[in-house]
Amino acid sequence: MARYNTYDLTESFKNFKVGKYLTVIWVIIAFIILISCMYQIGPGEAGIIQRFGKHVRTTHAGLHLKLPAGIEKLTKVNIEHVFKEEFGYRTRKAGVVTEYEDKKYQEESLMLTGDLNCAEVEWIVQFKIAEPEKYLFKVRRPETTLRDLSEAVTRQVIGDRTVTEVLTVGREEIANQIQLQLQELINLYEVGIKVITVKLQDVNPPDPVKPAFNEVNEAKQEKERSINQAWEDYNKVVPRAEGEAQQIIAEAEGYEQERVNRALGEAKRFSSVLEEYRKAPEVTKQRLYLETLNEIIPQVKQIYVIDPAQKSVIPFIPLPKTSETQ
């Protein structure tokens, strides 16, 4: 009896240990399954859930559940981060003082303008992932597609402009046009990207033609300087001459008016005198005679009163001495 009881206890203990191990194993398995079913989506992220490779839903920030690993797969996509693609150059190290690679990527930057000149164009494209489903599943390599589309659009827009516009005044307009056309192509290919900005970083003529290009620019600047100097002289001389001409014209018109008024006054005065003369000829003659003497006598220095009966007046008039007596 003692042996039988001891054997039973040993078997029971073994069975208990096995059951305990199995329970622990099942608890661990259940915990692993539970952990694999839970996932966290952070702010600015989107969770793409695939069931056996097929996209079934998109989740956003928060705690979510999914079927265990092997059934549903989670892919997190950052939809708030602004990504950047560089063309014609590469940044080696970003910071307060940015370092760039010495290598030139002329296969990207060298372009032909509309007036058959060459230009080296360096630019950047900044973008966000707007539609993560399209970004992951519609295009195999979305970044490569973006680069190809950006380069094609940029070459097309640059090819429609003159080298002067590309290098100077038209850069902002060109960048805006590239952004619009690039976004249209991205929407057409369903890449799921939203272009934030396109910016021309550096635009220069190729190194072999830089001296000639600089000479042309200097000639244009000299031309502009000469034109500005000519306009400055014009603005100084022409208004002054026009003012003097207006002054002379005004003086002539004033003199003309004065002469006309004076002539009209004298004609009116003559007419009034003639009218009075016709009324009383003798009185008018006497008045005119006296008025004439009144004007003449004040201008005479010496007055001689001679007797009308005197026939010769020379002996009585002392002639002024013109020279000394010899």
C-alpha atoms as a PDB file:
ATOM      1  CA  MET A   1       0.000   0.000   0.000  1.00  0.00           C
ATOM      2  CA  ALA A   2       2.751   2.420   0.877  1.00  0.00           C
ATOM      3  CA  ARG A   3       4.459   1.874  -2.481  1.00  0.00           C
ATOM      4  CA  TYR A   4       1.214   2.396  -4.388  1.00  0.00           C
ATOM      5  CA  ASN A   5       0.461   5.642  -2.634  1.00  0.00           C
ATOM      6  CA  THR A   6       3.952   6.988  -3.250  1.00  0.00           C
ATOM      7  CA  TYR A   7       3.700   6.173  -6.961  1.00  0.00           C
ATOM      8  CA  ASP A   8       0.356   7.889  -7.268  1.00  0.00           C
ATOM      9  CA  LEU A   9       1.693  11.005  -5.584  1.00  0.00           C
ATOM     10  CA  THR A  10       4.693  11.060  -7.906  1.00  0.00           C
ATOM     11  CA  GLU A  11       2.497  10.749 -10.983  1.00  0.00           C
ATOM     12  CA  SER A  12       0.162  13.445  -9.730  1.00  0.00           C
ATOM     13  CA  PHE A  13       3.078  15.776  -9.073  1.00  0.00           C
ATOM     14  CA  LYS A  14       4.429  15.183 -12.563  1.00  0.00           C
ATOM     15  CA  ASN A  15       1.048  15.811 -14.109  1.00  0.00           C
ATOM     16  CA  PHE A  16       0.693  19.007 -12.093  1.00  0.00           C
ATOM     17  CA  LYS A  17       4.066  20.271 -13.257  1.00  0.00           C
ATOM     18  CA  VAL A  18       3.263  19.519 -16.893  1.00  0.00           C
ATOM     19  CA  GLY A  19      -0.097  21.258 -16.604  1.00  0.00           C
ATOM     20  CA  LYS A  20       1.521  24.244 -14.982  1.00  0.00           C
ATOM     21  CA  TYR A  21       4.093  24.510 -17.776  1.00  0.00           C
ATOM     22  CA  LEU A  22       1.412  24.228 -20.410  1.00  0.00           C
ATOM     23  CA  THR A  23      -0.607  26.956 -18.711  1.00  0.00           C
ATOM     24  CA  VAL A  24       2.412  29.250 -18.614  1.00  0.00           C
ATOM     25  CA  ILE A  25       3.122  28.494 -22.258  1.00  0.00           C
ATOM     26  CA  TRP A  26      -0.459  29.263 -23.259  1.00  0.00           C
ATOM     27  CA  VAL A  27      -0.394  32.469 -21.207  1.00  0.00           C
ATOM     28  CA  ILE A  28       2.823  33.510 -22.971  1.00  0.00           C
ATOM     29  CA  ILE A  29       1.356  32.646 -26.353  1.00  0.00           C
ATOM     30  CA  ALA A  30      -1.825  34.562 -25.546  1.00  0.00           C
ATOM     31  CA  PHE A  31       0.255  37.542 -24.373  1.00  0.00           C
ATOM     32  CA  ILE A  32       2.324  37.496 -27.544  1.00  0.00           C
ATOM     33  CA  ILE A  33      -0.834  37.308 -29.670  1.00  0.00           C
ATOM     34  CA  LEU A  34      -2.366  40.161 -27.702  1.00  0.00           C
ATOM     35  CA  ILE A  35       0.763  42.268 -28.070  1.00  0.00           C
ATOM     36  CA  SER A  36       0.865  41.578 -31.809  1.00  0.00           C
ATOM     37  CA  CYS A  37      -2.766  42.651 -32.078  1.00  0.00           C
ATOM     38  CA  MET A  38      -2.175  46.066 -30.482  1.00  0.00           C
ATOM     39  CA  TYR A  39      -0.308  48.922 -32.086  1.00  0.00           C
ATOM     40  CA  GLN A  40       0.198  52.634 -31.480  1.00  0.00           C
ATOM     41  CA  ILE A  41       0.065  55.354 -34.158  1.00  0.00           C
ATOM     42  CA  GLY A  42       1.860  58.548 -33.185  1.00  0.00           C
ATOM     43  CA  PRO A  43       0.917  62.146 -34.063  1.00  0.00           C
ATOM     44  CA  GLY A  44       1.633  62.996 -37.674  1.00  0.00           C
ATOM     45  CA  GLU A  45       1.560  59.323 -38.717  1.00  0.00           C
ATOM     46  CA  ALA A  46      -0.839  57.072 -40.589  1.00  0.00           C
ATOM     47  CA  GLY A  47      -1.081  53.306 -40.157  1.00  0.00           C
ATOM     48  CA  ILE A  48      -1.608  51.246 -43.289  1.00  0.00           C
ATOM     49  CA  ILE A  49      -3.108  47.803 -42.517  1.00  0.00           C
ATOM     50  CA  GLN A  50      -2.688  44.985 -45.073  1.00  0.00           C
ATOM     51  CA  ARG A  51      -4.494  41.656 -44.749  1.00  0.00           C
ATOM     52  CA  PHE A  52      -2.607  38.987 -46.630  1.00  0.00           C
ATOM     53  CA  GLY A  53      -0.996  41.763 -48.678  1.00  0.00           C
ATOM     54  CA  LYS A  54      -4.199  43.658 -49.536  1.00  0.00           C
ATOM     55  CA  HIS A  55      -4.830  47.099 -48.107  1.00  0.00           C
ATOM     56  CA  VAL A  56      -7.945  47.001 -45.916  1.00  0.00           C
ATOM     57  CA  ARG A  57      -7.892  50.192 -43.843  1.00  0.00           C
ATOM     58  CA  THR A  58      -5.930  53.252 -42.767  1.00  0.00           C
ATOM     59  CA  THR A  59      -5.698  54.300 -39.114  1.00  0.00           C
ATOM     60  CA  HIS A  60      -4.506  57.518 -37.520  1.00  0.00           C
ATOM     61  CA  ALA A  61      -3.066  58.668 -34.192  1.00  0.00           C
ATOM     62  CA  GLY A  62      -4.023  56.508 -31.189  1.00  0.00           C
ATOM     63  CA  LEU A  63      -4.118  52.908 -29.931  1.00  0.00           C
ATOM     64  CA  HIS A  64      -5.602  50.326 -32.322  1.00  0.00           C
ATOM     65  CA  LEU A  65      -6.081  46.579 -32.764  1.00  0.00           C
ATOM     66  CA  LYS A  66      -5.340  44.300 -35.686  1.00  0.00           C
ATOM     67  CA  LEU A  67      -5.280  40.613 -36.385  1.00  0.00           C
ATOM     68  CA  PRO A  68      -2.144  38.759 -35.257  1.00  0.00           C
ATOM     69  CA  ALA A  69       1.090  38.809 -37.196  1.00  0.00           C
ATOM     70  CA  GLY A  70       0.946  36.881 -40.417  1.00  0.00           C
ATOM     71  CA  ILE A  71      -2.673  37.865 -41.042  1.00  0.00           C
ATOM     72  CA  GLU A  72      -2.570  41.650 -40.912  1.00  0.00           C
ATOM     73  CA  LYS A  73       0.570  43.729 -41.432  1.00  0.00           C
ATOM     74  CA  LEU A  74       1.129  47.300 -40.216  1.00  0.00           C
ATOM     75  CA  THR A  75       3.128  49.939 -42.129  1.00  0.00           C
ATOM     76  CA  LYS A  76       3.579  53.364 -40.533  1.00  0.00           C
ATOM     77  CA  VAL A  77       3.887  56.409 -42.800  1.00  0.00           C
ATOM     78  CA  ASN A  78       4.872  59.887 -41.631  1.00  0.00           C
ATOM     79  CA  ILE A  79       2.380  62.267 -43.254  1.00  0.00           C
ATOM     80  CA  GLU A  80       3.496  65.513 -41.541  1.00  0.00           C
ATOM     81  CA  HIS A  81       7.222  65.431 -42.183  1.00  0.00           C
ATOM     82  CA  VAL A  82       8.475  67.619 -45.039  1.00  0.00           C
ATOM     83  CA  PHE A  83      10.832  65.622 -47.243  1.00  0.00           C
ATOM     84  CA  LYS A  84      13.346  67.170 -49.626  1.00  0.00           C
ATOM     85  CA  GLU A  85      14.863  66.060 -52.915  1.00  0.00           C
ATOM     86  CA  GLU A  86      17.980  67.853 -54.226  1.00  0.00           C
ATOM     87  CA  PHE A  87      18.847  68.199 -57.899  1.00  0.00           C
ATOM     88  CA  GLY A  88      22.239  69.200 -59.304  1.00  0.00           C
ATOM     89  CA  TYR A  89      23.981  69.010 -55.915  1.00  0.00           C
ATOM     90  CA  ARG A  90      23.975  66.997 -52.696  1.00  0.00           C
ATOM     91  CA  THR A  91      24.195  68.091 -49.069  1.00  0.00           C
ATOM     92  CA  ARG A  92      26.960  66.306 -47.210  1.00  0.00           C
ATOM     93  CA  LYS A  93      26.213  67.708 -43.767  1.00  0.00           C
ATOM     94  CA  ALA A  94      23.432  70.078 -42.742  1.00  0.00           C
ATOM     95  CA  GLY A  95      23.903  72.540 -39.926  1.00  0.00           C
ATOM     96  CA  VAL A  96      24.780  76.127 -39.160  1.00  0.00           C
ATOM     97  CA  VAL A  97      27.408  75.901 -41.872  1.00  0.00           C
ATOM     98  CA  THR A  98      26.070  73.478 -44.472  1.00  0.00           C
ATOM     99  CA  GLU A  99      28.622  71.317 -46.274  1.00  0.00           C
ATOM    100  CA  TYR A 100      28.032  70.200 -49.858  1.00  0.00           C
ATOM    101  CA  GLU A 101      29.635  67.485 -51.927  1.00  0.00           C
ATOM    102  CA  ASP A 102      32.324  68.617 -54.344  1.00  0.00           C
ATOM    103  CA  LYS A 103      30.989  66.416 -57.123  1.00  0.00           C
ATOM    104  CA  LYS A 104      28.886  68.092 -59.791  1.00  0.00           C
ATOM    105  CA  TYR A 105      25.748  66.383 -61.056  1.00  0.00           C
ATOM    106  CA  GLN A 106      25.663  67.915 -64.510  1.00  0.00           C
ATOM    107  CA  GLU A 107      23.493  65.106 -65.847  1.00  0.00           C
ATOM    108  CA  GLU A 108      20.760  66.689 -63.720  1.00  0.00           C
ATOM    109  CA  SER A 109      21.661  70.376 -63.757  1.00  0.00           C
ATOM    110  CA  LEU A 110      22.869  71.064 -67.322  1.00  0.00           C
ATOM    111  CA  MET A 111      19.922  72.347 -69.381  1.00  0.00           C
ATOM    112  CA  LEU A 112      19.210  74.077 -72.695  1.00  0.00           C
ATOM    113  CA  THR A 113      17.242  77.336 -72.593  1.00  0.00           C
ATOM    114  CA  GLY A 114      14.749  78.598 -75.149  1.00  0.00           C
ATOM    115  CA  ASP A 115      17.329  80.831 -76.863  1.00  0.00           C
ATOM    116  CA  LEU A 116      19.713  77.853 -77.301  1.00  0.00           C
ATOM    117  CA  ASN A 117      22.014  78.753 -74.400  1.00  0.00           C
ATOM    118  CA  CYS A 118      23.224  76.409 -71.667  1.00  0.00           C
ATOM    119  CA  ALA A 119      22.624  76.882 -67.967  1.00  0.00           C
ATOM    120  CA  GLU A 120      23.424  74.859 -64.861  1.00  0.00           C
ATOM    121  CA  VAL A 121      20.286  74.810 -62.714  1.00  0.00           C
ATOM    122  CA  GLU A 122      20.278  73.521 -59.132  1.00  0.00           C
ATOM    123  CA  TRP A 123      16.917  73.232 -57.355  1.00  0.00           C
ATOM    124  CA  ILE A 124      15.084  71.487 -54.549  1.00  0.00           C
ATOM    125  CA  VAL A 125      11.607  69.984 -54.243  1.00  0.00           C
ATOM    126  CA  GLN A 126       9.980  69.838 -50.799  1.00  0.00           C
ATOM    127  CA  PHE A 127       6.958  67.563 -50.391  1.00  0.00           C
ATOM    128  CA  LYS A 128       4.706  65.686 -47.981  1.00  0.00           C
ATOM    129  CA  ILE A 129       3.028  62.296 -48.253  1.00  0.00           C
ATOM    130  CA  ALA A 130      -0.600  63.356 -48.707  1.00  0.00           C
ATOM    131  CA  GLU A 131      -2.142  59.966 -49.566  1.00  0.00           C
ATOM    132  CA  PRO A 132      -0.153  57.118 -47.964  1.00  0.00           C
ATOM    133  CA  GLU A 133      -2.207  54.385 -49.700  1.00  0.00           C
ATOM    134  CA  LYS A 134      -1.244  55.667 -53.153  1.00  0.00           C
ATOM    135  CA  TYR A 135       2.314  56.373 -51.995  1.00  0.00           C
ATOM    136  CA  LEU A 136       2.793  52.732 -50.929  1.00  0.00           C
ATOM    137  CA  PHE A 137       0.799  50.798 -53.526  1.00  0.00           C
ATOM    138  CA  LYS A 138       0.248  52.832 -56.731  1.00  0.00           C
ATOM    139  CA  VAL A 139       3.894  53.438 -57.675  1.00  0.00           C
ATOM    140  CA  ARG A 140       6.774  51.054 -57.087  1.00  0.00           C
ATOM    141  CA  ARG A 141       9.426  53.703 -56.275  1.00  0.00           C
ATOM    142  CA  PRO A 142       7.666  57.026 -55.537  1.00  0.00           C
ATOM    143  CA  GLU A 143      10.862  58.989 -54.757  1.00  0.00           C
ATOM    144  CA  THR A 144      12.454  57.939 -58.042  1.00  0.00           C
ATOM    145  CA  THR A 145       9.244  58.781 -59.892  1.00  0.00           C
ATOM    146  CA  LEU A 146       9.184  62.196 -58.220  1.00  0.00           C
ATOM    147  CA  ARG A 147      12.776  62.876 -59.269  1.00  0.00           C
ATOM    148  CA  ASP A 148      12.119  61.832 -62.861  1.00  0.00           C
ATOM    149  CA  LEU A 149       8.967  63.943 -63.092  1.00  0.00           C
ATOM    150  CA  SER A 150      10.660  66.956 -61.506  1.00  0.00           C
ATOM    151  CA  GLU A 151      13.598  66.796 -63.896  1.00  0.00           C
ATOM    152  CA  ALA A 152      11.322  66.438 -66.928  1.00  0.00           C
ATOM    153  CA  VAL A 153       9.115  69.376 -65.912  1.00  0.00           C
ATOM    154  CA  THR A 154      12.091  71.579 -65.066  1.00  0.00           C
ATOM    155  CA  ARG A 155      13.745  70.932 -68.430  1.00  0.00           C
ATOM    156  CA  GLN A 156      10.486  71.730 -70.208  1.00  0.00           C
ATOM    157  CA  VAL A 157       9.953  75.021 -68.350  1.00  0.00           C
ATOM    158  CA  ILE A 158      13.595  76.085 -68.700  1.00  0.00           C
ATOM    159  CA  GLY A 159      13.434  75.237 -72.410  1.00  0.00           C
ATOM    160  CA  ASP A 160      10.624  77.781 -72.843  1.00  0.00           C
ATOM    161  CA  ARG A 161      12.589  80.672 -71.280  1.00  0.00           C
ATOM    162  CA  THR A 162      15.588  82.755 -72.287  1.00  0.00           C
ATOM    163  CA  VAL A 163      18.856  82.413 -70.435  1.00  0.00           C
ATOM    164  CA  THR A 164      18.426  85.947 -69.050  1.00  0.00           C
ATOM    165  CA  GLU A 165      15.085  85.026 -67.494  1.00  0.00           C
ATOM    166  CA  VAL A 166      16.524  81.836 -66.026  1.00  0.00           C
ATOM    167  CA  LEU A 167      19.551  83.566 -64.521  1.00  0.00           C
ATOM    168  CA  THR A 168      17.921  86.787 -63.300  1.00  0.00           C
ATOM    169  CA  VAL A 169      14.381  88.143 -63.395  1.00  0.00           C
ATOM    170  CA  GLY A 170      12.303  85.022 -64.110  1.00  0.00           C
ATOM    171  CA  ARG A 171      13.510  82.630 -61.401  1.00  0.00           C
ATOM    172  CA  GLU A 172      10.534  82.953 -59.056  1.00  0.00           C
ATOM    173  CA  GLU A 173       7.992  82.663 -61.857  1.00  0.00           C
ATOM    174  CA  ILE A 174       9.828  79.621 -63.252  1.00  0.00           C
ATOM    175  CA  ALA A 175       9.816  77.906 -59.839  1.00  0.00           C
ATOM    176  CA  ASN A 176       6.067  78.495 -59.438  1.00  0.00           C
ATOM    177  CA  GLN A 177       5.367  77.121 -62.899  1.00  0.00           C
ATOM    178  CA  ILE A 178       7.487  74.008 -62.196  1.00  0.00           C
ATOM    179  CA  GLN A 179       5.574  73.413 -58.957  1.00  0.00           C
ATOM    180  CA  LEU A 180       2.162  73.628 -60.655  1.00  0.00           C
ATOM    181  CA  GLN A 181       3.063  71.357 -63.555  1.00  0.00           C
ATOM    182  CA  LEU A 182       4.838  68.869 -61.288  1.00  0.00           C
ATOM    183  CA  GLN A 183       1.800  68.592 -59.010  1.00  0.00           C
ATOM    184  CA  GLU A 184      -0.429  67.980 -62.037  1.00  0.00           C
ATOM    185  CA  LEU A 185       1.767  65.070 -63.176  1.00  0.00           C
ATOM    186  CA  ILE A 186       1.963  63.638 -59.638  1.00  0.00           C
ATOM    187  CA  ASN A 187      -1.834  63.664 -59.424  1.00  0.00           C
ATOM    188  CA  LEU A 188      -2.047  62.035 -62.866  1.00  0.00           C
ATOM    189  CA  TYR A 189       0.323  59.190 -61.852  1.00  0.00           C
ATOM    190  CA  GLU A 190      -1.351  58.892 -58.394  1.00  0.00           C
ATOM    191  CA  VAL A 191       1.929  59.069 -56.495  1.00  0.00           C
ATOM    192  CA  GLY A 192       0.177  60.347 -53.339  1.00  0.00           C
ATOM    193  CA  ILE A 193       2.592  63.273 -52.834  1.00  0.00           C
ATOM    194  CA  LYS A 194       1.807  66.955 -52.285  1.00  0.00           C
ATOM    195  CA  VAL A 195       4.503  69.372 -53.475  1.00  0.00           C
ATOM    196  CA  ILE A 196       5.104  72.067 -50.846  1.00  0.00           C
ATOM    197  CA  THR A 197       7.600  74.202 -52.710  1.00  0.00           C
ATOM    198  CA  VAL A 198      10.036  74.235 -55.606  1.00  0.00           C
ATOM    199  CA  LYS A 199      12.998  76.562 -55.268  1.00  0.00           C
ATOM    200  CA  LEU A 200      15.825  77.320 -57.676  1.00  0.00           C
ATOM    201  CA  GLN A 201      18.930  77.251 -55.499  1.00  0.00           C
ATOM    202  CA  ASP A 202      21.699  78.309 -57.855  1.00  0.00           C
ATOM    203  CA  VAL A 203      21.630  79.074 -61.569  1.00  0.00           C
ATOM    204  CA  ASN A 204      24.879  79.734 -63.437  1.00  0.00           C
ATOM    205  CA  PRO A 205      26.257  79.462 -66.950  1.00  0.00           C
ATOM    206  CA  PRO A 206      28.604  76.483 -67.514  1.00  0.00           C
ATOM    207  CA  ASP A 207      32.232  77.079 -66.500  1.00  0.00           C
ATOM    208  CA  PRO A 208      33.633  77.179 -70.078  1.00  0.00           C
ATOM    209  CA  VAL A 209      31.348  80.092 -71.047  1.00  0.00           C
ATOM    210  CA  LYS A 210      31.375  82.045 -67.777  1.00  0.00           C
ATOM    211  CA  PRO A 211      33.977  84.640 -68.947  1.00  0.00           C
ATOM    212  CA  ALA A 212      32.017  85.393 -72.120  1.00  0.00           C
ATOM    213  CA  PHE A 213      28.777  85.528 -70.165  1.00  0.00           C
ATOM    214  CA  ASN A 214      30.298  87.955 -67.659  1.00  0.00           C
ATOM    215  CA  GLU A 215      31.465  90.174 -70.503  1.00  0.00           C
ATOM    216  CA  VAL A 216      27.974  90.201 -71.951  1.00  0.00           C
ATOM    217  CA  ASN A 217      26.535  91.117 -68.553  1.00  0.00           C
ATOM    218  CA  GLU A 218      29.056  93.925 -68.158  1.00  0.00           C
ATOM    219  CA  ALA A 219      28.151  95.238 -71.614  1.00  0.00           C
ATOM    220  CA  LYS A 220      24.449  95.142 -70.738  1.00  0.00           C
ATOM    221  CA  GLN A 221      25.111  96.936 -67.465  1.00  0.00           C
ATOM    222  CA  GLU A 222      27.130  99.583 -69.293  1.00  0.00           C
ATOM    223  CA  LYS A 223      24.298  99.960 -71.786  1.00  0.00           C
ATOM    224  CA  GLU A 224      21.766 100.369 -68.986  1.00  0.00           C
ATOM    225  CA  ARG A 225      24.045 102.861 -67.249  1.00  0.00           C
ATOM    226  CA  SER A 226      24.386 104.934 -70.454  1.00  0.00           C
ATOM    227  CA  ILE A 227      20.630 104.867 -71.013  1.00  0.00           C
ATOM    228  CA  ASN A 228      19.985 105.959 -67.438  1.00  0.00           C
ATOM    229  CA  GLN A 229      22.541 108.759 -67.751  1.00  0.00           C
ATOM    230  CA  ALA A 230      20.918 109.912 -70.994  1.00  0.00           C
ATOM    231  CA  TRP A 231      17.492 109.928 -69.368  1.00  0.00           C
ATOM    232  CA  GLU A 232      18.910 111.871 -66.441  1.00  0.00           C
ATOM    233  CA  ASP A 233      20.331 114.520 -68.800  1.00  0.00           C
ATOM    234  CA  TYR A 234      17.069 114.544 -70.723  1.00  0.00           C
ATOM    235  CA  ASN A 235      15.067 115.109 -67.556  1.00  0.00           C
ATOM    236  CA  LYS A 236      17.358 117.980 -66.626  1.00  0.00           C
ATOM    237  CA  VAL A 237      17.558 119.811 -69.994  1.00  0.00           C
ATOM    238  CA  VAL A 238      14.182 119.227 -71.649  1.00  0.00           C
ATOM    239  CA  PRO A 239      11.935 120.443 -68.796  1.00  0.00           C
ATOM    240  CA  ARG A 240      14.146 123.507 -68.360  1.00  0.00           C
ATOM    241  CA  ALA A 241      13.981 124.291 -72.096  1.00  0.00           C
ATOM    242  CA  GLU A 242      10.236 123.740 -72.091  1.00  0.00           C
ATOM    243  CA  GLY A 243       9.903 126.100 -69.113  1.00  0.00           C
ATOM    244  CA  GLU A 244      11.986 128.782 -70.820  1.00  0.00           C
ATOM    245  CA  ALA A 245       9.949 128.375 -74.003  1.00  0.00           C
ATOM    246  CA  GLN A 246       6.727 128.748 -72.057  1.00  0.00           C
ATOM    247  CA  GLN A 247       8.131 131.846 -70.355  1.00  0.00           C
ATOM    248  CA  ILE A 248       9.093 133.435 -73.710  1.00  0.00           C
ATOM    249  CA  ILE A 249       5.692 132.596 -75.153  1.00  0.00           C
ATOM    250  CA  ALA A 250       3.949 134.103 -72.130  1.00  0.00           C
ATOM    251  CA  GLU A 251       6.062 137.294 -72.367  1.00  0.00           C
ATOM    252  CA  ALA A 252       5.324 137.565 -76.104  1.00  0.00           C
ATOM    253  CA  GLU A 253       1.621 137.091 -75.502  1.00  0.00           C
ATOM    254  CA  GLY A 254       1.732 139.727 -72.752  1.00  0.00           C
ATOM    255  CA  TYR A 255       3.585 142.168 -75.023  1.00  0.00           C
ATOM    256  CA  GLU A 256       1.103 141.442 -77.798  1.00  0.00           C
ATOM    257  CA  GLN A 257      -1.817 142.140 -75.499  1.00  0.00           C
ATOM    258  CA  GLU A 258      -0.172 145.317 -74.258  1.00  0.00           C
ATOM    259  CA  ARG A 259       0.425 146.631 -77.783  1.00  0.00           C
ATOM    260  CA  VAL A 260      -3.092 145.734 -78.873  1.00  0.00           C
ATOM    261  CA  ASN A 261      -4.612 147.427 -75.848  1.00  0.00           C
ATOM    262  CA  ARG A 262      -2.429 150.479 -76.333  1.00  0.00           C
ATOM    263  CA  ALA A 263      -3.351 150.717 -80.032  1.00  0.00           C
ATOM    264  CA  LEU A 264      -7.017 150.300 -79.215  1.00  0.00           C
ATOM    265  CA  GLY A 265      -6.713 153.010 -76.566  1.00  0.00           C
ATOM    266  CA  GLU A 266      -4.962 155.408 -78.911  1.00  0.00           C
ATOM    267  CA  ALA A 267      -7.500 154.695 -81.656  1.00  0.00           C
ATOM    268  CA  LYS A 268     -10.327 155.324 -79.240  1.00  0.00           C
ATOM    269  CA  ARG A 269      -8.653 158.513 -78.027  1.00  0.00           C
ATOM    270  CA  PHE A 270      -8.170 159.714 -81.634  1.00  0.00           C
ATOM    271  CA  SER A 271     -11.790 158.978 -82.377  1.00  0.00           C
ATOM    272  CA  SER A 272     -12.929 160.959 -79.355  1.00  0.00           C
ATOM    273  CA  VAL A 273     -10.638 163.882 -80.307  1.00  0.00           C
ATOM    274  CA  LEU A 274     -11.951 163.786 -83.883  1.00  0.00           C
ATOM    275  CA  GLU A 275     -15.484 163.865 -82.601  1.00  0.00           C
ATOM    276  CA  GLU A 276     -14.718 166.909 -80.433  1.00  0.00           C
ATOM    277  CA  TYR A 277     -12.858 168.564 -83.306  1.00  0.00           C
ATOM    278  CA  ARG A 278     -15.884 168.243 -85.503  1.00  0.00           C
ATOM    279  CA  LYS A 279     -17.983 169.948 -82.861  1.00  0.00           C
ATOM    280  CA  ALA A 280     -15.577 172.881 -82.246  1.00  0.00           C
ATOM    281  CA  PRO A 281     -12.561 172.966 -84.583  1.00  0.00           C
ATOM    282  CA  GLU A 282     -10.920 176.129 -83.253  1.00  0.00           C
ATOM    283  CA  VAL A 283     -11.255 175.195 -79.632  1.00  0.00           C
ATOM    284  CA  THR A 284      -9.909 171.759 -80.309  1.00  0.00           C
ATOM    285  CA  LYS A 285      -6.930 173.154 -82.237  1.00  0.00           C
ATOM    286  CA  GLN A 286      -6.133 175.521 -79.395  1.00  0.00           C
ATOM    287  CA  ARG A 287      -6.364 172.729 -76.833  1.00  0.00           C
ATOM    288  CA  LEU A 288      -4.164 170.423 -78.866  1.00  0.00           C
ATOM    289  CA  TYR A 289      -1.617 173.247 -79.296  1.00  0.00           C
ATOM    290  CA  LEU A 290      -1.516 173.948 -75.588  1.00  0.00           C
ATOM    291  CA  GLU A 291      -1.252 170.268 -74.699  1.00  0.00           C
ATOM    292  CA  THR A 292       1.641 169.873 -77.143  1.00  0.00           C
ATOM    293  CA  LEU A 293       3.475 172.853 -75.655  1.00  0.00           C
ATOM    294  CA  ASN A 294       2.854 171.423 -72.205  1.00  0.00           C
ATOM    295  CA  GLU A 295       4.717 168.301 -73.241  1.00  0.00           C
ATOM    296  CA  ILE A 296       7.543 170.065 -75.118  1.00  0.00           C
ATOM    297  CA  ILE A 297       8.420 173.039 -72.909  1.00  0.00           C
ATOM    298  CA  PRO A 298       9.527 170.964 -69.854  1.00  0.00           C
ATOM    299  CA  GLN A 299      12.159 169.323 -72.070  1.00  0.00           C
ATOM    300  CA  VAL A 300      13.634 172.659 -73.327  1.00  0.00           C
ATOM    301  CA  LYS A 301      16.679 173.886 -71.383  1.00  0.00           C
ATOM    302  CA  GLN A 302      16.577 177.548 -72.518  1.00  0.00           C
ATOM    303  CA  ILE A 303      13.650 179.587 -73.696  1.00  0.00           C
ATOM    304  CA  TYR A 304      14.018 182.742 -75.800  1.00  0.00           C
ATOM    305  CA  VAL A 305      11.121 185.173 -76.199  1.00  0.00           C
ATOM    306  CA  ILE A 306      11.603 187.220 -79.408  1.00  0.00           C
ATOM    307  CA  ASP A 307       9.690 190.187 -80.636  1.00  0.00           C
ATOM    308  CA  PRO A 308       7.726 189.179 -83.707  1.00  0.00           C
ATOM    309  CA  ALA A 309       8.825 192.440 -85.407  1.00  0.00           C
ATOM    310  CA  GLN A 310      12.488 191.546 -85.122  1.00  0.00           C
ATOM    311  CA  LYS A 311      13.736 190.252 -88.423  1.00  0.00           C
ATOM    312  CA  SER A 312      17.122 188.882 -87.392  1.00  0.00           C
ATOM    313  CA  VAL A 313      17.713 187.005 -84.152  1.00  0.00           C
ATOM    314  CA  ILE A 314      21.265 185.770 -84.615  1.00  0.00           C
ATOM    315  CA  PRO A 315      23.021 188.806 -83.020  1.00  0.00           C
ATOM    316  CA  PHE A 316      20.999 188.388 -79.891  1.00  0.00           C
ATOM    317  CA  ILE A 317      21.529 184.685 -79.349  1.00  0.00           C
ATOM    318  CA  PRO A 318      24.878 183.824 -77.738  1.00  0.00           C
ATOM    319  CA  LEU A 319      26.239 180.736 -79.407  1.00  0.00           C
ATOM    320  CA  PRO A 320      27.848 178.181 -77.043  1.00  0.00           C
ATOM    321  CA  LYS A 321      31.591 177.818 -77.179  1.00  0.00           C
ATOM    322  CA  THR A 322      32.626 174.591 -78.787  1.00  0.00           C
ATOM    323  CA  SER A 323      36.357 175.174 -78.604  1.00  0.00           C
ATOM    324  CA  GLU A 324      38.901 177.552 -77.074  1.00  0.00           C
ATOM    325  CA  THR A 325      39.988 180.586 -79.024  1.00  0.00           C
ATOM    326  CA  GLN A 326      43.337 180.116 -80.748  1.00  0.00           C
END
